[in-house]
Structure formats: structure tokens, C-alpha cells
Amino acid sequence: MKFFNKILNNIKNRVSRMFRNTQVSTNDKVCYGIQTVALVALCVFFGTNDVFAAGNGLAGINEATSMISSYFDPGTKLIYAIGAVVGLIGGVKVYGKFSSGDPDTSKTAASWFGACIFLIVAATILRSFFL
């Protein structure tokens, strides 16, 4: 890490000297610019080697994919169960409104059963997309 700090300080000093109004000729400014670009390119090159040398990333991605896909079957079954419970609760609510003579029964039935159908369709679509 000290090596990179020295390089960055060297770059900073060269850039500050390049743009100061001191006695630096145009040729020196071009030379400093080329050296600065070369040092930055070396820093980027050596910095990215550590990223590529981190190990076999493909195996980790495959393992994560298999772990996530193993949660889809229990997740879809859970969403189906929640949809069934929502349907039962909706049926009881609609029956209560219908037996009391409430004129707003059709709206309540549509909202409860729409929620139930949405849960079932959403679980099926998610499963078909990701498995």
C-alpha cells in the first residue's frame, strides 16, 4: 500500500508542478504529462491484477445461483398457502357482507379474490422466470 501512496504522491507533485507558474518549459510540461499518464496506467494495471487474481469467481456465482434457486420451491409453496388463506378470509368477508345485505358486496369480492389470484399468478410467473 505504501508503494501506491508513493506513486500517487509523485503524480500529485508532478501535476502540481506542471500547472504552477514557475520556470517550467513547455517540453518539461509535456514530459511530465507523459510520465503522469504512464504512472496512472501502471497503477490501474497493477490494481486490476488483484481483482482478477481474487480466485475462481465463476464457482462462487454458480454456488450462489444454486442456493437462490433452492429457495424458490419453498417460497412459491408459501405464496400459494398465503393465497389460499387470503381466499378463505375473503370468502368469509364476502359472505358476511352478502348475508347482511350490504350493496357493496361485489366490490369487496372482487378485491379479495383479485388479491388471491394475484398472489397465485405472481408466484407462478416468478418461478417460471427464475427456474
Protein backbone atom coordinates (compact mmCIF):
# COMPACT_ATOMS: atom_id res chain seq x y z
CA MET A 1 0.00 0.00 0.00
CA LYS A 2 2.94 2.32 0.69
CA PHE A 3 4.08 1.77 -2.88
CA PHE A 4 0.80 3.08 -4.27
CA ASN A 5 0.82 6.03 -1.86
CA LYS A 6 4.30 6.98 -3.08
CA ILE A 7 3.15 6.74 -6.69
CA LEU A 8 0.05 8.84 -6.01
CA ASN A 9 2.10 11.48 -4.18
CA ASN A 10 4.57 11.51 -7.06
CA ILE A 11 1.71 12.01 -9.52
CA LYS A 12 0.24 14.78 -7.38
CA ASN A 13 3.58 16.57 -7.14
CA ARG A 14 4.21 16.29 -10.88
CA VAL A 15 0.74 17.58 -11.76
CA SER A 16 1.02 20.49 -9.32
CA ARG A 17 4.47 21.39 -10.72
CA MET A 18 3.14 21.11 -14.25
CA PHE A 19 0.39 23.67 -13.70
CA ARG A 20 2.28 26.12 -11.48
CA ASN A 21 3.53 29.38 -12.92
CA THR A 22 7.16 28.57 -12.16
CA GLN A 23 10.04 28.25 -14.55
CA VAL A 24 8.96 25.07 -16.29
CA SER A 25 9.37 24.90 -20.02
CA THR A 26 6.79 23.51 -22.42
CA ASN A 27 8.91 20.45 -23.09
CA ASP A 28 9.07 19.71 -19.37
CA LYS A 29 5.26 20.01 -19.15
CA VAL A 30 4.82 17.50 -21.99
CA CYS A 31 7.37 15.19 -20.38
CA TYR A 32 5.60 15.44 -17.00
CA GLY A 33 2.27 14.76 -18.71
CA ILE A 34 3.55 11.63 -20.43
CA GLN A 35 5.16 10.36 -17.23
CA THR A 36 1.96 11.05 -15.30
CA VAL A 37 -0.13 9.13 -17.81
CA ALA A 38 2.34 6.25 -17.69
CA LEU A 39 2.26 6.15 -13.88
CA VAL A 40 -1.54 6.19 -13.83
CA ALA A 41 -1.63 3.38 -16.40
CA LEU A 42 0.74 1.32 -14.25
CA CYS A 43 -1.38 1.93 -11.15
CA VAL A 44 -4.50 0.81 -12.99
CA PHE A 45 -2.74 -2.24 -14.40
CA PHE A 46 -1.35 -3.41 -11.07
CA GLY A 47 -4.59 -2.55 -9.26
CA THR A 48 -6.71 -4.67 -11.58
CA ASN A 49 -4.40 -7.67 -11.29
CA ASP A 50 -5.52 -8.07 -7.68
CA VAL A 51 -9.13 -8.09 -8.81
CA PHE A 52 -8.55 -10.79 -11.41
CA ALA A 53 -6.39 -12.84 -9.07
CA ALA A 54 -9.13 -12.98 -6.43
CA GLY A 55 -9.94 -16.58 -7.28
CA ASN A 56 -12.43 -18.54 -9.28
CA GLY A 57 -15.43 -16.23 -9.28
CA LEU A 58 -17.44 -18.48 -11.57
CA ALA A 59 -17.66 -21.20 -8.94
CA GLY A 60 -18.96 -18.68 -6.40
CA ILE A 61 -21.56 -17.37 -8.83
CA ASN A 62 -22.73 -20.91 -9.60
CA GLU A 63 -22.97 -21.73 -5.91
CA ALA A 64 -24.98 -18.58 -5.21
CA THR A 65 -27.30 -19.39 -8.12
CA SER A 66 -27.95 -22.89 -6.82
CA MET A 67 -28.57 -21.57 -3.30
CA ILE A 68 -31.06 -18.97 -4.52
CA SER A 69 -32.85 -21.41 -6.82
CA SER A 70 -33.20 -23.87 -3.92
CA TYR A 71 -35.34 -21.28 -2.10
CA PHE A 72 -37.84 -20.90 -4.95
CA ASP A 73 -39.80 -24.13 -4.36
CA PRO A 74 -40.49 -23.44 -0.67
CA GLY A 75 -41.10 -19.77 -1.47
CA THR A 76 -43.70 -20.49 -4.14
CA LYS A 77 -45.42 -23.02 -1.86
CA LEU A 78 -45.52 -20.38 0.88
CA ILE A 79 -47.04 -17.83 -1.51
CA TYR A 80 -49.63 -20.42 -2.62
CA ALA A 81 -50.52 -21.05 1.04
CA ILE A 82 -50.83 -17.29 1.69
CA GLY A 83 -53.08 -17.04 -1.38
CA ALA A 84 -55.29 -19.83 -0.04
CA VAL A 85 -55.58 -18.10 3.35
CA VAL A 86 -56.38 -14.78 1.66
CA GLY A 87 -59.04 -16.55 -0.41
CA LEU A 88 -60.63 -18.09 2.70
CA ILE A 89 -60.61 -14.80 4.59
CA GLY A 90 -62.05 -13.07 1.53
CA GLY A 91 -64.78 -15.69 1.26
CA VAL A 92 -65.78 -15.19 4.89
CA LYS A 93 -65.80 -11.39 4.49
CA VAL A 94 -67.88 -11.55 1.31
CA TYR A 95 -70.33 -14.00 2.92
CA GLY A 96 -70.70 -11.67 5.91
CA LYS A 97 -71.40 -8.68 3.67
CA PHE A 98 -73.75 -10.66 1.44
CA SER A 99 -75.79 -12.05 4.34
CA SER A 100 -76.10 -8.59 5.94
CA GLY A 101 -77.45 -7.15 2.67
CA ASP A 102 -74.58 -4.72 2.04
CA PRO A 103 -74.82 -3.28 -1.51
CA ASP A 104 -71.01 -3.10 -1.76
CA THR A 105 -70.57 -6.90 -1.83
CA SER A 106 -69.35 -7.21 -5.43
CA LYS A 107 -66.57 -4.67 -4.87
CA THR A 108 -65.37 -6.50 -1.75
CA ALA A 109 -65.49 -9.86 -3.54
CA ALA A 110 -63.53 -8.53 -6.49
CA SER A 111 -60.82 -7.03 -4.29
CA TRP A 112 -60.32 -10.11 -2.06
CA PHE A 113 -60.38 -12.66 -4.84
CA GLY A 114 -58.27 -10.39 -7.07
CA ALA A 115 -55.63 -10.34 -4.34
CA CYS A 116 -55.77 -14.13 -4.11
CA ILE A 117 -55.41 -14.57 -7.87
CA PHE A 118 -52.58 -12.02 -7.97
CA LEU A 119 -50.59 -13.96 -5.37
CA ILE A 120 -51.00 -17.24 -7.23
CA VAL A 121 -50.16 -15.75 -10.64
CA ALA A 122 -47.19 -13.77 -9.26
CA ALA A 123 -45.71 -16.90 -7.65
CA THR A 124 -46.14 -18.88 -10.87
CA ILE A 125 -44.60 -16.17 -13.04
CA LEU A 126 -41.63 -15.64 -10.71
CA ARG A 127 -40.97 -19.36 -10.66
CA SER A 128 -41.13 -19.62 -14.45
CA PHE A 129 -38.75 -16.66 -14.89
CA PHE A 130 -36.05 -17.78 -12.49
CA LEU A 131 -36.09 -21.57 -12.73
